[in-house]
C-alpha atoms as a PDB file:
ATOM      1  CA  MET A   1     -46.495-125.085 -95.185  1.00  0.00           C
ATOM      2  CA  LYS A   2     -43.266-126.962 -95.807  1.00  0.00           C
ATOM      3  CA  ARG A   3     -40.441-127.462 -93.297  1.00  0.00           C
ATOM      4  CA  TRP A   4     -41.828-126.269 -89.989  1.00  0.00           C
ATOM      5  CA  GLY A   5     -44.356-123.814 -91.455  1.00  0.00           C
ATOM      6  CA  GLU A   6     -46.857-124.244 -88.637  1.00  0.00           C
ATOM      7  CA  GLU A   7     -44.162-124.352 -85.953  1.00  0.00           C
ATOM      8  CA  VAL A   8     -42.520-121.179 -87.292  1.00  0.00           C
ATOM      9  CA  THR A   9     -45.874-119.385 -87.297  1.00  0.00           C
ATOM     10  CA  LEU A  10     -46.528-120.374 -83.676  1.00  0.00           C
ATOM     11  CA  ALA A  11     -42.993-119.428 -82.585  1.00  0.00           C
ATOM     12  CA  ILE A  12     -43.263-115.995 -84.206  1.00  0.00           C
ATOM     13  CA  ARG A  13     -46.660-115.364 -82.631  1.00  0.00           C
ATOM     14  CA  ASP A  14     -45.379-116.548 -79.246  1.00  0.00           C
ATOM     15  CA  GLU A  15     -42.357-114.228 -79.431  1.00  0.00           C
ATOM     16  CA  ILE A  16     -44.544-111.261 -80.391  1.00  0.00           C
ATOM     17  CA  ALA A  17     -46.741-111.954 -77.354  1.00  0.00           C
ATOM     18  CA  ARG A  18     -43.740-112.531 -75.075  1.00  0.00           C
ATOM     19  CA  LEU A  19     -42.322-109.124 -76.072  1.00  0.00           C
ATOM     20  CA  GLY A  20     -45.729-107.430 -75.755  1.00  0.00           C
ATOM     21  CA  ALA A  21     -45.470-106.303 -79.383  1.00  0.00           C
ATOM     22  CA  GLN A  22     -49.018-107.228 -80.458  1.00  0.00           C
ATOM     23  CA  LYS A  23     -49.851-103.572 -81.195  1.00  0.00           C
ATOM     24  CA  GLN A  24     -46.803-103.198 -83.469  1.00  0.00           C
ATOM     25  CA  MET A  25     -46.822-106.580 -85.224  1.00  0.00           C
ATOM     26  CA  HIS A  26     -49.412-108.731 -86.923  1.00  0.00           C
ATOM     27  CA  THR A  27     -48.961-112.133 -88.530  1.00  0.00           C
ATOM     28  CA  THR A  28     -50.658-113.664 -91.528  1.00  0.00           C
ATOM     29  CA  ARG A  29     -49.964-117.273 -92.355  1.00  0.00           C
ATOM     30  CA  THR A  30     -49.944-118.141 -96.031  1.00  0.00           C
ATOM     31  CA  ARG A  31     -50.137-121.559 -97.579  1.00  0.00           C
ATOM     32  CA  CYS A  32     -47.461-120.965-100.195  1.00  0.00           C
ATOM     33  CA  ASN A  33     -45.003-118.262-101.224  1.00  0.00           C
ATOM     34  CA  GLY A  34     -43.837-120.294-104.201  1.00  0.00           C
ATOM     35  CA  ARG A  35     -40.369-120.878-102.744  1.00  0.00           C
ATOM     36  CA  CYS A  36     -40.395-124.515-101.586  1.00  0.00           C
ATOM     37  CA  ASP A  37     -36.622-124.802-102.046  1.00  0.00           C
ATOM     38  CA  ASP A  38     -36.175-121.972 -99.519  1.00  0.00           C
ATOM     39  CA  ALA A  39     -38.764-123.188 -97.012  1.00  0.00           C
ATOM     40  CA  CYS A  40     -39.756-122.045 -94.579  1.00  0.00           C
ATOM     41  CA  VAL A  41     -40.069-118.521 -96.042  1.00  0.00           C
ATOM     42  CA  VAL A  42     -41.074-115.541 -93.894  1.00  0.00           C
ATOM     43  CA  ILE A  43     -41.738-112.084 -95.347  1.00  0.00           C
ATOM     44  CA  ALA A  44     -41.556-109.071 -93.041  1.00  0.00           C
ATOM     45  CA  TYR A  45     -43.560-105.976 -93.972  1.00  0.00           C
ATOM     46  CA  PRO A  46     -43.538-103.010 -94.346  1.00  0.00           C
ATOM     47  CA  GLU A  47     -39.857-103.596 -95.086  1.00  0.00           C
ATOM     48  CA  GLY A  48     -40.685-106.329 -97.606  1.00  0.00           C
ATOM     49  CA  VAL A  49     -37.721-108.468 -96.533  1.00  0.00           C
ATOM     50  CA  TRP A  50     -37.883-112.140 -97.564  1.00  0.00           C
ATOM     51  CA  TYR A  51     -36.192-114.631 -95.233  1.00  0.00           C
ATOM     52  CA  ARG A  52     -35.362-118.217 -96.138  1.00  0.00           C
ATOM     53  CA  GLU A  53     -34.720-121.444 -94.249  1.00  0.00           C
ATOM     54  CA  VAL A  54     -36.525-120.144 -91.173  1.00  0.00           C
ATOM     55  CA  THR A  55     -36.874-122.498 -88.222  1.00  0.00           C
ATOM     56  CA  PRO A  56     -38.875-121.758 -85.060  1.00  0.00           C
ATOM     57  CA  ASP A  57     -35.728-120.423 -83.323  1.00  0.00           C
ATOM     58  CA  ILE A  58     -34.844-118.226 -86.291  1.00  0.00           C
ATOM     59  CA  GLY A  59     -38.449-116.974 -86.362  1.00  0.00           C
ATOM     60  CA  ARG A  60     -38.065-115.803 -82.768  1.00  0.00           C
ATOM     61  CA  GLN A  61     -34.799-114.067 -83.698  1.00  0.00           C
ATOM     62  CA  LEU A  62     -36.564-112.324 -86.593  1.00  0.00           C
ATOM     63  CA  VAL A  63     -39.161-110.884 -84.260  1.00  0.00           C
ATOM     64  CA  ARG A  64     -36.491-109.589 -81.870  1.00  0.00           C
ATOM     65  CA  LYS A  65     -34.464-108.073 -84.736  1.00  0.00           C
ATOM     66  CA  HIS A  66     -37.468-106.385 -86.365  1.00  0.00           C
ATOM     67  CA  THR A  67     -38.725-104.943 -83.070  1.00  0.00           C
ATOM     68  CA  ALA A  68     -35.273-103.334 -82.808  1.00  0.00           C
ATOM     69  CA  GLY A  69     -35.492-102.036 -86.393  1.00  0.00           C
ATOM     70  CA  ARG A  70     -32.883-104.450 -87.770  1.00  0.00           C
ATOM     71  CA  ARG A  71     -32.797-107.432 -90.156  1.00  0.00           C
ATOM     72  CA  LEU A  72     -31.487-110.950 -89.696  1.00  0.00           C
ATOM     73  CA  GLU A  73     -29.009-110.594 -92.553  1.00  0.00           C
ATOM     74  CA  GLU A  74     -27.838-114.200 -92.769  1.00  0.00           C
ATOM     75  CA  HIS A  75     -31.345-115.361 -93.743  1.00  0.00           C
ATOM     76  CA  ALA A  76     -32.481-112.362 -95.825  1.00  0.00           C
ATOM     77  CA  PHE A  77     -32.438-113.024 -99.543  1.00  0.00           C
ATOM     78  CA  TYR A  78     -34.645-110.381-101.107  1.00  0.00           C
ATOM     79  CA  GLN A  79     -36.221-107.076-100.219  1.00  0.00           C
ATOM     80  CA  PHE A  80     -39.049-105.369-102.028  1.00  0.00           C
ATOM     81  CA  ASN A  81     -37.909-101.786-102.515  1.00  0.00           C
ATOM     82  CA  ARG A  82     -39.823 -99.131-104.461  1.00  0.00           C
ATOM     83  CA  GLY A  83     -41.679-101.652-106.572  1.00  0.00           C
ATOM     84  CA  THR A  84     -38.631-103.832-107.302  1.00  0.00           C
ATOM     85  CA  PHE A  85     -37.023-106.862-105.711  1.00  0.00           C
ATOM     86  CA  VAL A  86     -33.478-106.137-104.570  1.00  0.00           C
ATOM     87  CA  SER A  87     -31.222-109.154-104.133  1.00  0.00           C
ATOM     88  CA  SER A  88     -29.152-109.671-101.024  1.00  0.00           C
ATOM     89  CA  GLY A  89     -26.442-111.113-103.248  1.00  0.00           C
ATOM     90  CA  VAL A  90     -28.122-114.459-103.847  1.00  0.00           C
ATOM     91  CA  SER A  91     -29.389-115.245-107.322  1.00  0.00           C
ATOM     92  CA  ILE A  92     -32.572-117.281-107.132  1.00  0.00           C
ATOM     93  CA  PRO A  93     -34.252-118.640-110.259  1.00  0.00           C
ATOM     94  CA  GLY A  94     -37.955-117.909-110.247  1.00  0.00           C
ATOM     95  CA  ILE A  95     -37.583-114.651-108.340  1.00  0.00           C
ATOM     96  CA  ASP A  96     -34.873-112.976-110.403  1.00  0.00           C
ATOM     97  CA  LYS A  97     -36.595-110.875-113.033  1.00  0.00           C
ATOM     98  CA  GLU A  98     -33.501-110.014-115.074  1.00  0.00           C
END
């Protein structure tokens, strides 16, 4: 809910509707992902990609990228892969399990 949480949610939902992707995408707003320092955090499933520092404009970009089967690399910081978090090269205390 920190740093544009509500605005990001609305922007993502608006972009999904604008693209007519409601049958392919669904949103669930959470209150907290435990990553306040990275707020606003968005997690895209089924890929399990965690994005940080998402603004409403970046949220719209995420929707466009994911509808095209791509990631927004500059904001991705972790991906859940086969039961394990895989870093995108950024070490983040509290998520790193090593």
